[in-house]
Protein backbone atom coordinates (compact mmCIF):
# COMPACT_ATOMS: atom_id res chain seq x y z
CA UNK A 1 0.00 0.00 0.00
CA UNK A 2 1.35 3.40 -0.98
CA UNK A 3 1.21 6.27 1.49
CA UNK A 4 1.56 9.88 0.43
CA UNK A 5 2.18 12.82 2.73
CA UNK A 6 2.07 16.40 1.46
CA UNK A 7 3.73 19.33 3.18
CA UNK A 8 4.75 22.92 2.55
CA UNK A 9 1.38 24.62 2.36
CA UNK A 10 0.61 27.83 4.21
CA UNK A 11 -0.53 31.42 4.02
CA UNK A 12 1.24 33.57 1.45
CA UNK A 13 0.49 36.98 0.00
CA UNK A 14 -0.33 37.36 -3.67
CA UNK A 15 2.87 37.37 -5.70
CA UNK A 16 4.66 35.16 -3.22
CA UNK A 17 6.02 31.63 -3.51
CA UNK A 18 5.62 28.27 -1.85
CA UNK A 19 7.20 24.90 -2.42
CA UNK A 20 5.04 21.86 -1.81
CA UNK A 21 6.52 18.44 -1.16
CA UNK A 22 5.00 14.98 -1.36
CA UNK A 23 6.74 12.05 0.27
CA UNK A 24 5.81 8.54 -0.82
CA UNK A 25 6.36 5.21 0.87
CA UNK A 26 5.30 1.64 0.41
CA UNK A 27 5.94 0.90 -3.25
CA UNK A 28 8.32 1.44 -6.14
CA UNK A 29 7.92 5.17 -6.67
CA UNK A 30 9.32 5.24 -10.20
CA UNK A 31 6.54 2.91 -11.38
CA UNK A 32 4.08 5.78 -11.12
CA UNK A 33 3.21 9.02 -12.78
CA UNK A 34 2.81 11.72 -10.13
CA UNK A 35 0.33 14.53 -10.38
CA UNK A 36 -0.70 17.48 -8.25
CA UNK A 37 -4.39 18.27 -8.02
CA UNK A 38 -6.10 21.01 -6.09
CA UNK A 39 -9.56 21.56 -4.74
CA UNK A 40 -10.96 24.98 -3.96
CA UNK A 41 -13.96 25.29 -1.62
CA UNK A 42 -17.13 24.10 -3.35
CA UNK A 43 -15.32 22.94 -6.47
CA UNK A 44 -14.19 19.68 -8.00
CA UNK A 45 -10.62 18.43 -7.94
CA UNK A 46 -8.63 20.26 -10.61
CA UNK A 47 -5.54 18.99 -12.42
CA UNK A 48 -2.52 21.21 -11.75
CA UNK A 49 0.63 19.45 -13.00
CA UNK A 50 1.96 15.99 -13.81
CA UNK A 51 5.43 14.53 -14.16
CA UNK A 52 6.39 11.36 -15.99
CA UNK A 53 7.92 8.36 -14.24
CA UNK A 54 11.54 9.46 -14.56
CA UNK A 55 10.90 13.19 -14.60
CA UNK A 56 11.65 13.67 -18.28
CA UNK A 57 8.29 15.21 -19.16
CA UNK A 58 5.99 17.53 -17.27
CA UNK A 59 2.54 18.87 -18.02
CA UNK A 60 0.65 21.82 -16.62
CA UNK A 61 -2.81 23.28 -16.49
CA UNK A 62 -3.04 26.49 -18.48
CA UNK A 63 -3.88 28.39 -15.31
CA UNK A 64 -0.48 27.63 -13.74
CA UNK A 65 1.79 27.35 -16.78
CA UNK A 66 4.82 29.56 -16.42
CA UNK A 67 4.30 29.99 -12.66
CA UNK A 68 4.45 26.43 -11.26
CA UNK A 69 7.13 23.79 -11.73
CA UNK A 70 6.74 20.11 -10.91
CA UNK A 71 9.75 17.91 -10.28
CA UNK A 72 10.53 14.56 -8.70
CA UNK A 73 13.42 12.80 -7.02
CA UNK A 74 12.96 9.05 -7.32
CA UNK A 75 15.94 8.39 -5.04
CA UNK A 76 14.06 10.19 -2.27
CA UNK A 77 10.58 9.00 -3.27
CA UNK A 78 9.51 12.62 -3.43
CA UNK A 79 7.79 15.04 -5.75
CA UNK A 80 7.76 18.81 -5.50
CA UNK A 81 5.64 21.68 -6.74
CA UNK A 82 7.36 25.06 -6.85
CA UNK A 83 4.68 27.73 -6.98
CA UNK A 84 5.65 31.28 -7.87
CA UNK A 85 3.63 34.43 -8.49
CA UNK A 86 0.77 33.03 -6.47
CA UNK A 87 -2.69 34.46 -7.02
CA UNK A 88 -5.84 34.42 -4.89
CA UNK A 89 -7.34 31.95 -7.36
CA UNK A 90 -4.60 29.46 -6.39
CA UNK A 91 -6.19 29.22 -2.93
CA UNK A 92 -7.04 25.50 -2.49
CA UNK A 93 -6.09 22.24 -0.85
CA UNK A 94 -3.31 20.66 -2.88
CA UNK A 95 -3.02 16.90 -3.24
CA UNK A 96 -0.43 14.64 -4.79
CA UNK A 97 -1.56 11.49 -6.53
CA UNK A 98 0.15 8.46 -8.02
CA UNK A 99 -1.18 6.69 -11.06
CA UNK A 100 -0.37 3.95 -13.51
CA UNK A 101 -1.59 5.79 -16.57
CA UNK A 102 0.15 8.12 -18.98
CA UNK A 103 1.38 11.45 -17.67
CA UNK A 104 0.35 13.11 -20.91
CA UNK A 105 -3.23 11.90 -20.66
CA UNK A 106 -4.44 11.20 -17.12
CA UNK A 107 -6.12 14.41 -15.98
CA UNK A 108 -8.96 13.35 -13.70
CA UNK A 109 -8.84 12.48 -10.01
CA UNK A 110 -10.47 9.11 -10.56
CA UNK A 111 -7.74 7.93 -12.93
CA UNK A 112 -5.22 7.78 -10.11
CA UNK A 113 -4.51 4.96 -7.69
CA UNK A 114 -3.26 6.69 -4.54
CA UNK A 115 -3.87 10.13 -3.06
CA UNK A 116 -2.48 12.07 -0.13
CA UNK A 117 -4.44 13.95 2.52
CA UNK A 118 -3.67 17.36 1.11
CA UNK A 119 -1.99 20.57 2.22
CA UNK A 120 -3.74 23.94 2.39
CA UNK A 121 -2.51 26.88 0.33
CA UNK A 122 -4.08 30.22 1.23
CA UNK A 123 -3.59 33.33 -0.87
CA UNK A 124 -5.72 36.22 0.42
CA UNK A 125 -7.10 38.86 -1.87
């Protein structure tokens, strides 16, 4: 059974930066695509960014392209999300997820196999 633990969330002013981390345990990390989702209050889970199994390719939602960077370190069983130029619309709970599908295609929450508990990112207006 895979366990995922996110960290690094917090309160940041608009224009600021945060770096989220997701630590995985319990399985061969490099077997999985890793994706960050987020969920704002009253909304569905939204795809944010995905990284391929060995970190060669990354994919981003249009809303975060150019501001967020996803990366992974398979030796540490970890994935990161560097978030710059944060906006109030980035306010959400951020989750990491592991899946067996294709990084270029899997965009919905239900396509993934394991999910963390989330970390809150708050960006006041």
